[in-house]
Amino acid sequence: MARVPEGCHVVREHIRRNPRPRGKKLSGWTIAGLIAGVWLWSQLFGAGEASTGSGQAPRTPAPSASVSAGR
């Protein structure tokens, strides 16, 4: 069998490089899932609180300028 270079190993009679040590990274799917989760959370809980949670009474529409004052 051939001599295996440093930093490699043999798999099924083929020389492969050893995997490099990497820190825990977030994959693209994980990031997309987190963004979708935040968006969904804001759709379910954020929008309802913003429109009804202000505590102000709804505004009454002002009469338009085309309505005559004499009637």
PDB file of N, CA and C in Angstrom:
ATOM      1  N   MET A   1       0.849  -1.182   0.000  1.00  0.00           N
ATOM      2  CA  MET A   1       0.000   0.000   0.000  1.00  0.00           C
ATOM      3  C   MET A   1       0.890   1.239   0.000  1.00  0.00           C
ATOM      4  N   ALA A   2       0.428   2.284  -0.634  1.00  0.00           N
ATOM      5  CA  ALA A   2       1.213   3.511  -0.773  1.00  0.00           C
ATOM      6  C   ALA A   2       1.300   4.246   0.549  1.00  0.00           C
ATOM      7  N   ARG A   3       2.338   5.028   0.673  1.00  0.00           N
ATOM      8  CA  ARG A   3       2.528   5.840   1.879  1.00  0.00           C
ATOM      9  C   ARG A   3       1.480   6.950   1.899  1.00  0.00           C
ATOM     10  N   VAL A   4       0.828   7.131   3.055  1.00  0.00           N
ATOM     11  CA  VAL A   4      -0.232   8.129   3.198  1.00  0.00           C
ATOM     12  C   VAL A   4       0.395   9.432   3.680  1.00  0.00           C
ATOM     13  N   PRO A   5       0.210  10.530   2.935  1.00  0.00           N
ATOM     14  CA  PRO A   5       0.776  11.810   3.367  1.00  0.00           C
ATOM     15  C   PRO A   5       0.153  12.296   4.671  1.00  0.00           C
ATOM     16  N   GLU A   6       0.853  13.153   5.363  1.00  0.00           N
ATOM     17  CA  GLU A   6       0.337  13.701   6.612  1.00  0.00           C
ATOM     18  C   GLU A   6      -0.883  14.569   6.310  1.00  0.00           C
ATOM     19  N   GLY A   7      -1.904  14.449   7.136  1.00  0.00           N
ATOM     20  CA  GLY A   7      -3.139  15.195   6.933  1.00  0.00           C
ATOM     21  C   GLY A   7      -4.117  14.483   6.025  1.00  0.00           C
ATOM     22  N   CYS A   8      -3.848  13.189   5.723  1.00  0.00           N
ATOM     23  CA  CYS A   8      -4.733  12.407   4.862  1.00  0.00           C
ATOM     24  C   CYS A   8      -5.014  11.066   5.519  1.00  0.00           C
ATOM     25  N   HIS A   9      -6.002  10.365   4.979  1.00  0.00           N
ATOM     26  CA  HIS A   9      -6.326   9.025   5.424  1.00  0.00           C
ATOM     27  C   HIS A   9      -6.761   8.210   4.213  1.00  0.00           C
ATOM     28  N   VAL A  10      -6.859   6.896   4.386  1.00  0.00           N
ATOM     29  CA  VAL A  10      -7.202   6.007   3.278  1.00  0.00           C
ATOM     30  C   VAL A  10      -8.635   5.525   3.446  1.00  0.00           C
ATOM     31  N   VAL A  11      -9.421   5.670   2.384  1.00  0.00           N
ATOM     32  CA  VAL A  11     -10.795   5.176   2.358  1.00  0.00           C
ATOM     33  C   VAL A  11     -10.948   4.356   1.086  1.00  0.00           C
ATOM     34  N   ARG A  12     -11.216   3.061   1.237  1.00  0.00           N
ATOM     35  CA  ARG A  12     -11.409   2.156   0.094  1.00  0.00           C
ATOM     36  C   ARG A  12     -10.286   2.297  -0.927  1.00  0.00           C
ATOM     37  N   GLU A  13      -9.101   2.225  -0.440  1.00  0.00           N
ATOM     38  CA  GLU A  13      -7.894   2.277  -1.267  1.00  0.00           C
ATOM     39  C   GLU A  13      -7.706   3.612  -1.982  1.00  0.00           C
ATOM     40  N   HIS A  14      -8.334   4.666  -1.508  1.00  0.00           N
ATOM     41  CA  HIS A  14      -8.136   6.003  -2.053  1.00  0.00           C
ATOM     42  C   HIS A  14      -7.649   6.909  -0.935  1.00  0.00           C
ATOM     43  N   ILE A  15      -6.796   7.831  -1.272  1.00  0.00           N
ATOM     44  CA  ILE A  15      -6.276   8.771  -0.277  1.00  0.00           C
ATOM     45  C   ILE A  15      -7.200   9.976  -0.219  1.00  0.00           C
ATOM     46  N   ARG A  16      -7.669  10.285   0.960  1.00  0.00           N
ATOM     47  CA  ARG A  16      -8.566  11.434   1.181  1.00  0.00           C
ATOM     48  C   ARG A  16      -7.925  12.388   2.171  1.00  0.00           C
ATOM     49  N   ARG A  17      -8.252  13.664   2.039  1.00  0.00           N
ATOM     50  CA  ARG A  17      -7.792  14.651   3.012  1.00  0.00           C
ATOM     51  C   ARG A  17      -8.618  14.549   4.275  1.00  0.00           C
ATOM     52  N   ASN A  18      -8.003  14.828   5.403  1.00  0.00           N
ATOM     53  CA  ASN A  18      -8.724  14.866   6.663  1.00  0.00           C
ATOM     54  C   ASN A  18      -9.616  16.108   6.697  1.00  0.00           C
ATOM     55  N   PRO A  19     -10.787  15.992   7.292  1.00  0.00           N
ATOM     56  CA  PRO A  19     -11.650  17.181   7.392  1.00  0.00           C
ATOM     57  C   PRO A  19     -11.021  18.217   8.309  1.00  0.00           C
ATOM     58  N   ARG A  20     -11.199  19.457   7.961  1.00  0.00           N
ATOM     59  CA  ARG A  20     -10.655  20.550   8.763  1.00  0.00           C
ATOM     60  C   ARG A  20     -11.583  20.822   9.940  1.00  0.00           C
ATOM     61  N   PRO A  21     -11.029  21.133  11.079  1.00  0.00           N
ATOM     62  CA  PRO A  21     -11.884  21.493  12.212  1.00  0.00           C
ATOM     63  C   PRO A  21     -12.536  22.846  11.958  1.00  0.00           C
ATOM     64  N   ARG A  22     -13.827  22.885  12.063  1.00  0.00           N
ATOM     65  CA  ARG A  22     -14.580  24.120  11.813  1.00  0.00           C
ATOM     66  C   ARG A  22     -15.459  24.411  13.010  1.00  0.00           C
ATOM     67  N   GLY A  23     -15.695  25.678  13.220  1.00  0.00           N
ATOM     68  CA  GLY A  23     -16.626  26.072  14.271  1.00  0.00           C
ATOM     69  C   GLY A  23     -18.049  25.770  13.850  1.00  0.00           C
ATOM     70  N   LYS A  24     -18.947  25.825  14.787  1.00  0.00           N
ATOM     71  CA  LYS A  24     -20.358  25.579  14.462  1.00  0.00           C
ATOM     72  C   LYS A  24     -20.879  26.750  13.644  1.00  0.00           C
ATOM     73  N   LYS A  25     -21.207  26.495  12.397  1.00  0.00           N
ATOM     74  CA  LYS A  25     -21.753  27.525  11.517  1.00  0.00           C
ATOM     75  C   LYS A  25     -23.213  27.222  11.250  1.00  0.00           C
ATOM     76  N   LEU A  26     -23.966  28.268  11.031  1.00  0.00           N
ATOM     77  CA  LEU A  26     -25.364  28.088  10.646  1.00  0.00           C
ATOM     78  C   LEU A  26     -25.420  27.874   9.133  1.00  0.00           C
ATOM     79  N   SER A  27     -26.146  26.866   8.730  1.00  0.00           N
ATOM     80  CA  SER A  27     -26.289  26.616   7.306  1.00  0.00           C
ATOM     81  C   SER A  27     -27.277  27.615   6.705  1.00  0.00           C
ATOM     82  N   GLY A  28     -27.342  27.644   5.399  1.00  0.00           N
ATOM     83  CA  GLY A  28     -28.276  28.534   4.711  1.00  0.00           C
ATOM     84  C   GLY A  28     -29.720  28.214   5.037  1.00  0.00           C
ATOM     85  N   TRP A  29     -30.046  26.917   5.161  1.00  0.00           N
ATOM     86  CA  TRP A  29     -31.405  26.521   5.489  1.00  0.00           C
ATOM     87  C   TRP A  29     -31.778  26.933   6.905  1.00  0.00           C
ATOM     88  N   THR A  30     -30.804  26.876   7.825  1.00  0.00           N
ATOM     89  CA  THR A  30     -31.083  27.284   9.199  1.00  0.00           C
ATOM     90  C   THR A  30     -31.370  28.774   9.272  1.00  0.00           C
ATOM     91  N   ILE A  31     -30.587  29.562   8.554  1.00  0.00           N
ATOM     92  CA  ILE A  31     -30.797  31.017   8.533  1.00  0.00           C
ATOM     93  C   ILE A  31     -32.140  31.346   7.895  1.00  0.00           C
ATOM     94  N   ALA A  32     -32.473  30.671   6.793  1.00  0.00           N
ATOM     95  CA  ALA A  32     -33.765  30.903   6.138  1.00  0.00           C
ATOM     96  C   ALA A  32     -34.919  30.517   7.066  1.00  0.00           C
ATOM     97  N   GLY A  33     -34.759  29.432   7.803  1.00  0.00           N
ATOM     98  CA  GLY A  33     -35.793  29.018   8.749  1.00  0.00           C
ATOM     99  C   GLY A  33     -35.974  30.010   9.876  1.00  0.00           C
ATOM    100  N   LEU A  34     -34.878  30.557  10.379  1.00  0.00           N
ATOM    101  CA  LEU A  34     -34.974  31.563  11.438  1.00  0.00           C
ATOM    102  C   LEU A  34     -35.662  32.832  10.943  1.00  0.00           C
ATOM    103  N   ILE A  35     -35.319  33.270   9.745  1.00  0.00           N
ATOM    104  CA  ILE A  35     -35.955  34.465   9.174  1.00  0.00           C
ATOM    105  C   ILE A  35     -37.449  34.219   8.963  1.00  0.00           C
ATOM    106  N   ALA A  36     -37.796  33.037   8.448  1.00  0.00           N
ATOM    107  CA  ALA A  36     -39.213  32.703   8.241  1.00  0.00           C
ATOM    108  C   ALA A  36     -39.955  32.634   9.575  1.00  0.00           C
ATOM    109  N   GLY A  37     -39.298  32.107  10.599  1.00  0.00           N
ATOM    110  CA  GLY A  37     -39.925  32.035  11.909  1.00  0.00           C
ATOM    111  C   GLY A  37     -40.192  33.411  12.497  1.00  0.00           C
ATOM    112  N   VAL A  38     -39.230  34.317  12.361  1.00  0.00           N
ATOM    113  CA  VAL A  38     -39.419  35.682  12.863  1.00  0.00           C
ATOM    114  C   VAL A  38     -40.528  36.376  12.087  1.00  0.00           C
ATOM    115  N   TRP A  39     -40.547  36.188  10.774  1.00  0.00           N
ATOM    116  CA  TRP A  39     -41.591  36.809   9.954  1.00  0.00           C
ATOM    117  C   TRP A  39     -42.968  36.268  10.345  1.00  0.00           C
ATOM    118  N   LEU A  40     -43.062  34.954  10.516  1.00  0.00           N
ATOM    119  CA  LEU A  40     -44.342  34.362  10.886  1.00  0.00           C
ATOM    120  C   LEU A  40     -44.785  34.831  12.270  1.00  0.00           C
ATOM    121  N   TRP A  41     -43.852  34.910  13.201  1.00  0.00           N
ATOM    122  CA  TRP A  41     -44.172  35.390  14.550  1.00  0.00           C
ATOM    123  C   TRP A  41     -44.705  36.816  14.497  1.00  0.00           C
ATOM    124  N   SER A  42     -44.075  37.665  13.669  1.00  0.00           N
ATOM    125  CA  SER A  42     -44.534  39.056  13.568  1.00  0.00           C
ATOM    126  C   SER A  42     -45.899  39.138  12.891  1.00  0.00           C
ATOM    127  N   GLN A  43     -46.186  38.229  11.967  1.00  0.00           N
ATOM    128  CA  GLN A  43     -47.490  38.226  11.311  1.00  0.00           C
ATOM    129  C   GLN A  43     -48.589  37.799  12.283  1.00  0.00           C
ATOM    130  N   LEU A  44     -48.293  36.833  13.119  1.00  0.00           N
ATOM    131  CA  LEU A  44     -49.315  36.323  14.029  1.00  0.00           C
ATOM    132  C   LEU A  44     -49.517  37.215  15.246  1.00  0.00           C
ATOM    133  N   PHE A  45     -48.447  37.736  15.810  1.00  0.00           N
ATOM    134  CA  PHE A  45     -48.546  38.446  17.072  1.00  0.00           C
ATOM    135  C   PHE A  45     -48.191  39.930  16.978  1.00  0.00           C
ATOM    136  N   GLY A  46     -47.316  40.318  16.096  1.00  0.00           N
ATOM    137  CA  GLY A  46     -46.856  41.703  16.029  1.00  0.00           C
ATOM    138  C   GLY A  46     -47.853  42.653  15.399  1.00  0.00           C
ATOM    139  N   ALA A  47     -48.496  42.263  14.308  1.00  0.00           N
ATOM    140  CA  ALA A  47     -49.388  43.170  13.584  1.00  0.00           C
ATOM    141  C   ALA A  47     -50.668  43.447  14.360  1.00  0.00           C
ATOM    142  N   GLY A  48     -51.215  42.470  15.055  1.00  0.00           N
ATOM    143  CA  GLY A  48     -52.445  42.668  15.816  1.00  0.00           C
ATOM    144  C   GLY A  48     -52.248  43.618  16.984  1.00  0.00           C
ATOM    145  N   GLU A  49     -51.109  43.551  17.640  1.00  0.00           N
ATOM    146  CA  GLU A  49     -50.843  44.438  18.763  1.00  0.00           C
ATOM    147  C   GLU A  49     -50.611  45.860  18.300  1.00  0.00           C
ATOM    148  N   ALA A  50     -50.006  46.034  17.148  1.00  0.00           N
ATOM    149  CA  ALA A  50     -49.701  47.373  16.663  1.00  0.00           C
ATOM    150  C   ALA A  50     -50.969  48.128  16.270  1.00  0.00           C
ATOM    151  N   SER A  51     -51.957  47.439  15.703  1.00  0.00           N
ATOM    152  CA  SER A  51     -53.153  48.136  15.227  1.00  0.00           C
ATOM    153  C   SER A  51     -54.187  48.327  16.333  1.00  0.00           C
ATOM    154  N   THR A  52     -54.328  47.386  17.270  1.00  0.00           N
ATOM    155  CA  THR A  52     -55.359  47.511  18.292  1.00  0.00           C
ATOM    156  C   THR A  52     -54.799  47.837  19.663  1.00  0.00           C
ATOM    157  N   GLY A  53     -53.515  47.749  19.839  1.00  0.00           N
ATOM    158  CA  GLY A  53     -52.941  47.935  21.153  1.00  0.00           C
ATOM    159  C   GLY A  53     -52.597  49.369  21.487  1.00  0.00           C
ATOM    160  N   SER A  54     -52.927  50.334  20.627  1.00  0.00           N
ATOM    161  CA  SER A  54     -52.538  51.722  20.875  1.00  0.00           C
ATOM    162  C   SER A  54     -53.450  52.385  21.905  1.00  0.00           C
ATOM    163  N   GLY A  55     -54.667  51.911  22.087  1.00  0.00           N
ATOM    164  CA  GLY A  55     -55.575  52.472  23.078  1.00  0.00           C
ATOM    165  C   GLY A  55     -56.313  53.715  22.615  1.00  0.00           C
ATOM    166  N   GLN A  56     -56.187  54.094  21.365  1.00  0.00           N
ATOM    167  CA  GLN A  56     -56.875  55.268  20.847  1.00  0.00           C
ATOM    168  C   GLN A  56     -58.149  54.837  20.142  1.00  0.00           C
ATOM    169  N   ALA A  57     -59.153  55.702  20.209  1.00  0.00           N
ATOM    170  CA  ALA A  57     -60.409  55.426  19.518  1.00  0.00           C
ATOM    171  C   ALA A  57     -60.202  55.634  18.023  1.00  0.00           C
ATOM    172  N   PRO A  58     -60.904  54.886  17.190  1.00  0.00           N
ATOM    173  CA  PRO A  58     -60.750  55.077  15.747  1.00  0.00           C
ATOM    174  C   PRO A  58     -61.251  56.461  15.329  1.00  0.00           C
ATOM    175  N   ARG A  59     -60.592  57.002  14.342  1.00  0.00           N
ATOM    176  CA  ARG A  59     -60.968  58.332  13.859  1.00  0.00           C
ATOM    177  C   ARG A  59     -62.263  58.274  13.065  1.00  0.00           C
ATOM    178  N   THR A  60     -63.082  59.320  13.200  1.00  0.00           N
ATOM    179  CA  THR A  60     -64.276  59.417  12.367  1.00  0.00           C
ATOM    180  C   THR A  60     -63.907  60.191  11.117  1.00  0.00           C
ATOM    181  N   PRO A  61     -64.364  59.752   9.970  1.00  0.00           N
ATOM    182  CA  PRO A  61     -63.968  60.445   8.739  1.00  0.00           C
ATOM    183  C   PRO A  61     -64.567  61.840   8.670  1.00  0.00           C
ATOM    184  N   ALA A  62     -63.789  62.778   8.197  1.00  0.00           N
ATOM    185  CA  ALA A  62     -64.264  64.152   8.025  1.00  0.00           C
ATOM    186  C   ALA A  62     -65.148  64.205   6.778  1.00  0.00           C
ATOM    187  N   PRO A  63     -66.163  65.055   6.774  1.00  0.00           N
ATOM    188  CA  PRO A  63     -67.014  65.177   5.577  1.00  0.00           C
ATOM    189  C   PRO A  63     -66.200  65.710   4.410  1.00  0.00           C
ATOM    190  N   SER A  64     -66.542  65.275   3.243  1.00  0.00           N
ATOM    191  CA  SER A  64     -65.803  65.716   2.066  1.00  0.00           C
ATOM    192  C   SER A  64     -66.227  67.122   1.670  1.00  0.00           C
ATOM    193  N   ALA A  65     -65.430  67.740   0.823  1.00  0.00           N
ATOM    194  CA  ALA A  65     -65.698  69.128   0.411  1.00  0.00           C
ATOM    195  C   ALA A  65     -66.882  69.222  -0.553  1.00  0.00           C
ATOM    196  N   SER A  66     -67.283  68.114  -1.146  1.00  0.00           N
ATOM    197  CA  SER A  66     -68.365  68.167  -2.129  1.00  0.00           C
ATOM    198  C   SER A  66     -69.738  68.188  -1.481  1.00  0.00           C
ATOM    199  N   VAL A  67     -69.844  67.945  -0.193  1.00  0.00           N
ATOM    200  CA  VAL A  67     -71.149  67.982   0.475  1.00  0.00           C
ATOM    201  C   VAL A  67     -71.549  69.443   0.703  1.00  0.00           C
ATOM    202  N   SER A  68     -72.768  69.792   0.259  1.00  0.00           N
ATOM    203  CA  SER A  68     -73.198  71.168   0.437  1.00  0.00           C
ATOM    204  C   SER A  68     -73.620  71.414   1.887  1.00  0.00           C
ATOM    205  N   ALA A  69     -73.320  72.589   2.414  1.00  0.00           N
ATOM    206  CA  ALA A  69     -73.620  72.920   3.805  1.00  0.00           C
ATOM    207  C   ALA A  69     -75.078  73.310   4.005  1.00  0.00           C
ATOM    208  N   GLY A  70     -75.823  73.656   2.941  1.00  0.00           N
ATOM    209  CA  GLY A  70     -77.184  74.120   3.068  1.00  0.00           C
ATOM    210  C   GLY A  70     -78.196  73.024   3.308  1.00  0.00           C
ATOM    211  N   ARG A  71     -77.915  71.821   3.092  1.00  0.00           N
ATOM    212  CA  ARG A  71     -78.909  70.765   3.208  1.00  0.00           C
ATOM    213  C   ARG A  71     -78.922  70.138   4.533  1.00  0.00           C
TER     214      ARG A  71
END
